[in-house]
Amino acid sequence: MNFQPAQTAIAHDITNLHTLLMWVILVIFVLVFGVMFYSILKHRKSLGHAAKPFHENTTVEILWTIIPALILVAMAWPAARVVIAQKDTRDSEITIKATGYQWFWGYKYLDHGVDFKSRLTTDRKQIDEYQGKGSAKGEHYLLEVDEPLVVPVGKKVRILTTSNDVIHSWAMPAFGVKQDAIPGFIRDTWFKAENTGTFRGQCSELCGKDHGFMPIVVKVVTDKEFQEWVGKKQAEAKAAADDPNKKWTKDELIARGRSVYEGNCVACHKADGKGTGPYPSLAGSKIATGPIADHLGIVLAGKNAMPAWNALSDTEIAAVVTYERNSFGNTTGDALLPADVKAARK
């Protein structure tokens, strides 16, 4: 067992530091236990040796204090150099904001106007595979997503991490990167990939029941391919942008809300709306069948185990609230318009 093959200078430094310190530890282990077992065997009672009581030895005590201290300083010097380098995000060429959600990642390219969510795509049948049921696990089981993070090779990429709900951690072992994503805070880290390819990591901070289902995939491409990808994503975003003047019908909002629900809510409230554990059922609930303003308020501000979903657009929130109030056996017959969501945010 070893680390993933290093793909950045920092990852190489971490691997070399790990190897160096393991050799130091091994030498200390051999010396300490060698002296200990030699003393035990060479001076045992069966050879005629008698215990020699003594109270203290100042020289020995000074030595066993100074020598470990010097060893620790010698080990700390290269370790501190690597840690400082890990935190040096100056002169970055691309900045990406990574937001952790339960249980997927959202990415926003601050320099390019590209914004998307990255979710697990492993087939549920593979996850449910047990005692002959389900289907065999694939090559990238629990490490595959619908939208990977795309970056150019040889460019310094700064990652800003934060969270929409609980503490997550953005980790990419091949890049030597691990940075916690904390609600209400912005932390940063960086990497510069040396080779093109696809690299995989996972959230490495326990964040709830689906913690193991929010992988991180980074696709490193040439600069030309990156520019083409950015252009494509910008065009897609422009085409998919909602017309602020559109008059939505209830049926249109329900159809749109279904896709929003499946992409953001189904992990907790389930496909049938009946919820699980601390996540309440939406079927027949007082919220989903009560005043629509209260329903909207909970989606915007969150409550208990449910985080605030104010990162969704006005149209997405209007659509999902309308969908929840007219699905799962709920028949309120009402609809929430994007303009109502926009007014409620103020």
Protein backbone atom coordinates (compact mmCIF):
# COMPACT_ATOMS: atom_id res chain seq x y z
CA MET A 1 0.00 0.00 0.00
CA ASN A 2 1.22 3.49 -0.88
CA PHE A 3 -0.09 6.90 -1.87
CA GLN A 4 -1.68 7.46 -5.26
CA PRO A 5 0.95 8.34 -7.90
CA ALA A 6 1.85 11.99 -7.36
CA GLN A 7 0.59 14.39 -10.04
CA THR A 8 1.76 17.71 -8.57
CA ALA A 9 4.96 19.06 -7.04
CA ILE A 10 3.27 19.24 -3.64
CA ALA A 11 2.18 15.60 -3.88
CA HIS A 12 5.79 14.61 -4.73
CA ASP A 13 7.00 16.57 -1.68
CA ILE A 14 4.45 14.86 0.56
CA THR A 15 5.46 11.41 -0.73
CA ASN A 16 9.18 12.13 -0.25
CA LEU A 17 8.56 13.59 3.22
CA HIS A 18 6.53 10.54 4.19
CA THR A 19 9.30 8.21 3.00
CA LEU A 20 11.99 10.21 4.83
CA LEU A 21 10.09 10.27 8.12
CA MET A 22 9.29 6.57 7.88
CA TRP A 23 13.03 5.83 7.59
CA VAL A 24 13.71 8.06 10.61
CA ILE A 25 11.01 6.26 12.57
CA LEU A 26 12.39 2.87 11.51
CA VAL A 27 15.93 3.75 12.63
CA ILE A 28 14.65 5.01 16.01
CA PHE A 29 12.51 1.89 16.39
CA VAL A 30 15.45 -0.44 15.68
CA LEU A 31 17.81 1.46 18.02
CA VAL A 32 15.37 1.75 20.94
CA PHE A 33 14.08 -1.81 20.80
CA GLY A 34 17.55 -3.16 19.99
CA VAL A 35 19.00 -1.60 23.15
CA MET A 36 15.99 -2.67 25.18
CA PHE A 37 16.04 -6.32 24.12
CA TYR A 38 19.86 -6.46 24.37
CA SER A 39 19.66 -5.19 27.92
CA ILE A 40 16.92 -7.64 28.83
CA LEU A 41 18.67 -10.68 27.36
CA LYS A 42 22.27 -9.80 28.29
CA HIS A 43 21.52 -8.91 31.90
CA ARG A 44 18.86 -11.45 32.81
CA LYS A 45 18.87 -13.19 36.17
CA SER A 46 19.63 -16.61 34.67
CA LEU A 47 23.10 -15.33 33.70
CA GLY A 48 23.81 -14.36 37.28
CA HIS A 49 23.02 -10.68 37.08
CA ALA A 50 21.34 -8.95 40.00
CA ALA A 51 19.10 -5.92 39.77
CA LYS A 52 20.98 -2.73 40.51
CA PRO A 53 18.66 -0.16 42.03
CA PHE A 54 19.31 3.51 41.36
CA HIS A 55 17.18 6.63 41.75
CA GLU A 56 18.21 8.94 38.94
CA ASN A 57 20.86 9.75 36.37
CA THR A 58 21.06 13.40 35.35
CA THR A 59 23.24 12.74 32.31
CA VAL A 60 20.84 10.14 30.89
CA GLU A 61 17.84 12.38 31.54
CA ILE A 62 19.47 15.31 29.74
CA LEU A 63 20.38 13.10 26.78
CA TRP A 64 16.91 11.59 26.41
CA THR A 65 15.46 15.10 26.41
CA ILE A 66 17.93 16.82 24.07
CA ILE A 67 18.27 14.04 21.47
CA PRO A 68 14.49 13.61 20.83
CA ALA A 69 14.12 17.41 20.74
CA LEU A 70 16.83 17.67 18.07
CA ILE A 71 15.21 14.84 16.09
CA LEU A 72 11.82 16.59 16.23
CA VAL A 73 13.34 19.87 15.03
CA ALA A 74 15.07 18.07 12.18
CA MET A 75 11.77 16.42 11.21
CA ALA A 76 9.72 19.61 11.61
CA TRP A 77 11.89 21.66 9.26
CA PRO A 78 11.04 19.85 5.98
CA ALA A 79 7.46 19.25 7.17
CA ALA A 80 6.92 22.96 7.82
CA ARG A 81 8.31 23.80 4.38
CA VAL A 82 5.74 21.51 2.71
CA VAL A 83 2.84 22.79 4.83
CA ILE A 84 3.72 26.42 4.03
CA ALA A 85 3.93 25.58 0.32
CA GLN A 86 0.50 23.92 0.49
CA LYS A 87 -1.01 27.18 1.76
CA ASP A 88 0.70 29.49 -0.74
CA THR A 89 -2.11 30.31 -3.17
CA ARG A 90 -0.44 33.42 -4.59
CA ASP A 91 -0.15 33.89 -8.36
CA SER A 92 -2.94 31.44 -9.14
CA GLU A 93 -4.13 31.48 -12.75
CA ILE A 94 -7.63 30.03 -12.23
CA THR A 95 -9.89 30.34 -9.19
CA ILE A 96 -12.70 27.86 -8.56
CA LYS A 97 -15.16 27.93 -5.68
CA ALA A 98 -16.05 24.43 -4.45
CA THR A 99 -19.18 24.27 -2.29
CA GLY A 100 -20.07 21.11 -0.39
CA TYR A 101 -23.70 20.04 -0.19
CA GLN A 102 -25.28 16.96 1.33
CA TRP A 103 -24.20 15.03 -0.76
CA PHE A 104 -22.62 16.49 -3.87
CA TRP A 105 -20.26 19.29 -4.89
CA GLY A 106 -20.98 22.58 -6.61
CA TYR A 107 -18.27 24.32 -8.65
CA LYS A 108 -18.12 27.95 -9.75
CA TYR A 109 -15.31 29.17 -12.03
CA LEU A 110 -14.94 32.74 -10.82
CA ASP A 111 -12.82 33.80 -13.81
CA HIS A 112 -14.98 32.21 -16.51
CA GLY A 113 -18.62 32.44 -15.43
CA VAL A 114 -19.09 28.67 -15.39
CA ASP A 115 -21.22 27.16 -12.60
CA PHE A 116 -22.44 23.57 -12.19
CA LYS A 117 -23.17 20.77 -9.73
CA SER A 118 -21.23 17.48 -9.69
CA ARG A 119 -23.15 14.41 -8.54
CA LEU A 120 -22.48 10.69 -8.19
CA THR A 121 -23.54 8.61 -11.20
CA THR A 122 -22.88 5.09 -9.92
CA ASP A 123 -25.93 2.95 -10.70
CA ARG A 124 -28.05 2.29 -7.62
CA LYS A 125 -28.09 -1.41 -8.53
CA GLN A 126 -24.32 -1.53 -7.94
CA ILE A 127 -24.74 0.09 -4.52
CA ASP A 128 -27.46 -2.43 -3.61
CA GLU A 129 -25.37 -5.39 -4.79
CA TYR A 130 -25.51 -7.96 -1.95
CA GLN A 131 -25.91 -11.73 -1.87
CA GLY A 132 -26.57 -11.97 -5.59
CA LYS A 133 -28.94 -9.03 -5.75
CA GLY A 134 -28.26 -5.89 -7.78
CA SER A 135 -25.46 -5.69 -10.33
CA ALA A 136 -21.68 -6.06 -10.20
CA LYS A 137 -19.66 -3.03 -9.12
CA GLY A 138 -18.04 -1.04 -11.93
CA GLU A 139 -14.41 0.02 -12.32
CA HIS A 140 -15.02 3.44 -10.75
CA TYR A 141 -17.59 2.39 -8.17
CA LEU A 142 -18.63 5.45 -6.09
CA LEU A 143 -15.90 7.49 -7.85
CA GLU A 144 -17.79 8.66 -10.96
CA VAL A 145 -19.76 11.85 -11.50
CA ASP A 146 -21.93 13.47 -14.15
CA GLU A 147 -19.85 16.68 -14.28
CA PRO A 148 -16.13 16.47 -13.46
CA LEU A 149 -14.06 19.50 -12.53
CA VAL A 150 -12.08 20.41 -15.68
CA VAL A 151 -8.74 22.23 -15.41
CA PRO A 152 -5.79 22.85 -17.76
CA VAL A 153 -2.50 21.09 -17.25
CA GLY A 154 0.40 23.14 -15.94
CA LYS A 155 -1.77 25.99 -14.59
CA LYS A 156 -1.95 26.94 -10.91
CA VAL A 157 -5.55 26.40 -9.81
CA ARG A 158 -6.81 27.95 -6.58
CA ILE A 159 -9.72 26.15 -4.90
CA LEU A 160 -11.94 28.12 -2.50
CA THR A 161 -13.87 25.74 -0.27
CA THR A 162 -17.05 26.36 1.68
CA SER A 163 -20.22 24.47 2.57
CA ASN A 164 -23.96 24.95 2.31
CA ASP A 165 -24.80 22.78 5.32
CA VAL A 166 -22.29 20.76 7.38
CA ILE A 167 -18.50 20.39 7.29
CA HIS A 168 -17.20 18.59 4.21
CA SER A 169 -13.63 18.20 2.95
CA TRP A 170 -12.38 18.52 -0.62
CA ALA A 171 -9.64 15.94 -1.05
CA MET A 172 -7.65 14.87 -4.09
CA PRO A 173 -4.83 12.48 -2.99
CA ALA A 174 -2.99 12.51 -6.32
CA PHE A 175 -2.64 16.30 -6.02
CA GLY A 176 -1.68 16.30 -2.32
CA VAL A 177 -4.77 18.36 -1.54
CA LYS A 178 -7.20 18.15 1.38
CA GLN A 179 -9.11 21.22 2.54
CA ASP A 180 -12.13 21.35 4.83
CA ALA A 181 -15.27 23.08 3.53
CA ILE A 182 -16.89 24.83 6.50
CA PRO A 183 -20.29 26.59 6.50
CA GLY A 184 -19.88 30.36 6.73
CA PHE A 185 -16.14 30.29 6.01
CA ILE A 186 -13.97 30.40 2.90
CA ARG A 187 -10.81 28.27 3.02
CA ASP A 188 -8.39 27.88 0.13
CA THR A 189 -5.87 25.48 -1.33
CA TRP A 190 -4.22 24.98 -4.71
CA PHE A 191 -2.67 22.55 -7.16
CA LYS A 192 -0.85 22.53 -10.49
CA ALA A 193 -1.35 19.26 -12.32
CA GLU A 194 1.69 17.95 -14.20
CA ASN A 195 -0.11 15.48 -16.46
CA THR A 196 -3.39 15.22 -18.31
CA GLY A 197 -5.86 12.56 -17.23
CA THR A 198 -8.75 11.90 -14.88
CA PHE A 199 -8.10 11.84 -11.13
CA ARG A 200 -10.47 10.81 -8.38
CA GLY A 201 -10.98 11.65 -4.73
CA GLN A 202 -13.80 11.83 -2.17
CA CYS A 203 -15.19 14.00 0.57
CA SER A 204 -12.97 13.10 3.54
CA GLU A 205 -14.98 14.59 6.40
CA LEU A 206 -17.88 12.58 7.83
CA CYS A 207 -20.90 14.63 6.73
CA GLY A 208 -23.99 12.47 7.14
CA LYS A 209 -25.60 9.30 5.87
CA ASP A 210 -24.44 9.65 2.26
CA HIS A 211 -20.90 10.80 3.08
CA GLY A 212 -19.45 7.98 0.99
CA PHE A 213 -21.53 9.01 -2.02
CA MET A 214 -20.01 12.41 -2.91
CA PRO A 215 -16.90 11.76 -5.00
CA ILE A 216 -14.58 14.35 -6.52
CA VAL A 217 -13.40 13.90 -10.09
CA VAL A 218 -10.89 16.23 -11.74
CA LYS A 219 -10.23 16.02 -15.47
CA VAL A 220 -6.93 17.60 -16.49
CA VAL A 221 -6.80 18.62 -20.16
CA THR A 222 -4.63 20.70 -22.46
CA ASP A 223 -5.09 24.47 -22.43
CA LYS A 224 -6.76 24.37 -25.86
CA GLU A 225 -9.22 21.69 -24.71
CA PHE A 226 -9.93 23.71 -21.56
CA GLN A 227 -10.76 26.85 -23.54
CA GLU A 228 -13.06 24.82 -25.79
CA TRP A 229 -14.77 23.31 -22.73
CA VAL A 230 -15.25 26.76 -21.15
CA GLY A 231 -16.81 28.07 -24.37
CA LYS A 232 -19.15 25.09 -24.52
CA LYS A 233 -20.23 25.46 -20.87
CA GLN A 234 -20.81 29.20 -21.30
CA ALA A 235 -22.98 28.55 -24.34
CA GLU A 236 -24.95 25.86 -22.48
CA ALA A 237 -25.49 28.20 -19.52
CA LYS A 238 -26.74 30.96 -21.80
CA ALA A 239 -29.13 28.58 -23.57
CA ALA A 240 -30.43 27.16 -20.28
CA ALA A 241 -30.89 30.53 -18.57
CA ASP A 242 -34.47 31.22 -17.59
CA ASP A 243 -36.23 34.12 -19.25
CA PRO A 244 -36.96 36.52 -16.36
CA ASN A 245 -40.09 37.69 -18.19
CA LYS A 246 -41.52 34.21 -18.79
CA LYS A 247 -45.00 33.55 -17.45
CA TRP A 248 -44.85 30.09 -15.90
CA THR A 249 -47.89 27.84 -15.74
CA LYS A 250 -48.44 25.47 -12.85
CA ASP A 251 -47.81 22.41 -15.05
CA GLU A 252 -44.52 23.88 -16.30
CA LEU A 253 -43.39 24.58 -12.75
CA ILE A 254 -44.29 21.04 -11.65
CA ALA A 255 -42.32 19.53 -14.55
CA ARG A 256 -39.31 21.73 -13.81
CA GLY A 257 -39.67 21.11 -10.07
CA ARG A 258 -39.47 17.37 -10.52
CA SER A 259 -35.96 17.61 -11.99
CA VAL A 260 -34.90 20.06 -9.25
CA TYR A 261 -36.27 17.71 -6.59
CA GLU A 262 -34.50 14.68 -8.07
CA GLY A 263 -31.23 16.57 -8.27
CA ASN A 264 -31.25 18.13 -4.79
CA CYS A 265 -33.92 16.73 -2.47
CA VAL A 266 -34.35 13.06 -3.22
CA ALA A 267 -31.37 11.91 -1.11
CA CYS A 268 -33.15 12.95 2.10
CA HIS A 269 -36.85 13.12 1.32
CA LYS A 270 -36.75 10.07 -1.00
CA ALA A 271 -38.33 9.61 -4.41
CA ASP A 272 -41.74 8.94 -2.86
CA GLY A 273 -41.51 12.00 -0.60
CA LYS A 274 -41.79 9.92 2.56
CA GLY A 275 -38.41 10.94 3.98
CA THR A 276 -36.13 8.99 6.28
CA GLY A 277 -34.65 9.43 9.76
CA PRO A 278 -34.42 13.13 10.68
CA TYR A 279 -35.74 14.13 7.26
CA PRO A 280 -39.54 14.39 7.46
CA SER A 281 -42.08 13.10 5.01
CA LEU A 282 -43.46 15.60 2.52
CA ALA A 283 -46.48 13.44 1.78
CA GLY A 284 -49.38 15.05 3.60
CA SER A 285 -47.06 17.17 5.74
CA LYS A 286 -48.24 20.39 7.35
CA ILE A 287 -45.52 22.26 5.51
CA ALA A 288 -46.27 20.94 2.03
CA THR A 289 -50.02 21.36 2.45
CA GLY A 290 -50.03 24.46 4.65
CA PRO A 291 -49.42 28.14 3.82
CA ILE A 292 -47.15 28.41 0.79
CA ALA A 293 -45.18 31.26 2.40
CA ASP A 294 -44.16 28.95 5.28
CA HIS A 295 -43.09 26.28 2.82
CA LEU A 296 -40.97 28.80 0.92
CA GLY A 297 -39.45 30.11 4.16
CA ILE A 298 -38.14 26.69 5.15
CA VAL A 299 -36.61 26.10 1.69
CA LEU A 300 -34.86 29.47 1.82
CA ALA A 301 -33.73 29.41 5.45
CA GLY A 302 -33.59 25.69 6.32
CA LYS A 303 -34.69 24.08 9.56
CA ASN A 304 -33.10 21.48 11.86
CA ALA A 305 -31.30 18.90 9.67
CA MET A 306 -32.38 20.61 6.43
CA PRO A 307 -29.93 23.23 5.11
CA ALA A 308 -30.92 26.47 3.44
CA TRP A 309 -31.31 26.12 -0.33
CA ASN A 310 -30.98 29.79 -1.19
CA ALA A 311 -28.22 28.91 -3.68
CA LEU A 312 -30.92 27.67 -6.06
CA SER A 313 -32.34 30.19 -8.52
CA ASP A 314 -35.71 31.86 -8.01
CA THR A 315 -37.19 29.67 -10.75
CA GLU A 316 -35.75 26.46 -9.29
CA ILE A 317 -37.12 27.21 -5.82
CA ALA A 318 -40.53 28.19 -7.19
CA ALA A 319 -40.62 25.02 -9.26
CA VAL A 320 -39.62 22.60 -6.51
CA VAL A 321 -42.04 24.10 -3.97
CA THR A 322 -44.84 23.87 -6.52
CA TYR A 323 -43.85 20.28 -7.30
CA GLU A 324 -43.81 19.24 -3.63
CA ARG A 325 -47.24 20.81 -3.02
CA ASN A 326 -48.77 18.95 -5.97
CA SER A 327 -47.06 15.55 -5.68
CA PHE A 328 -46.80 12.62 -3.23
CA GLY A 329 -50.56 12.75 -2.73
CA ASN A 330 -50.51 16.48 -1.95
CA THR A 331 -53.19 18.33 -3.90
CA THR A 332 -53.02 21.97 -2.86
CA GLY A 333 -53.49 23.07 -6.44
CA ASP A 334 -51.47 26.24 -5.87
CA ALA A 335 -48.25 27.40 -7.48
CA LEU A 336 -45.32 29.57 -6.43
CA LEU A 337 -43.96 32.01 -8.99
CA PRO A 338 -40.28 33.06 -9.37
CA ALA A 339 -41.28 36.65 -8.65
CA ASP A 340 -42.64 35.55 -5.25
CA VAL A 341 -39.31 33.90 -4.40
CA LYS A 342 -37.41 37.01 -5.47
CA ALA A 343 -39.59 39.15 -3.21
CA ALA A 344 -39.15 36.77 -0.27
CA ARG A 345 -35.35 36.98 -0.51
CA LYS A 346 -35.37 40.72 0.22
